[in-house]
């Protein structure tokens, strides 16, 4: 899978997590929805050209994805290092999928 395909694959569980655990902040025209689950932080904000979805692990951006109002999605950044977690040795992608799977049960 390419980084863009992996980012798109992560968007479904990320949006499910935001739907279940997200909190809104900021002024009406610049609202951000954010969910924090342990070391994982998922944020959704409205950008000029569309929705920006970002996933952070230990305050380092793991993924940035632009879902534009028109046109194909654009990858804004993707960190494919696999071991960003020390204690449980799980990568940030697996954490997003795990939390997303928990919501489907």
Foldseek 3Di string as FASTA:
>chain_A
DDQVVLVVVLPVLLVVQLVVAWDWDDDPQWIKTWHDDPQKIWIWTADPFGIWIWIGGNNHTAWIKGDGPDDHIDTPDHDPDAQPDDPVRGGPSVVSVVSSVVSVD
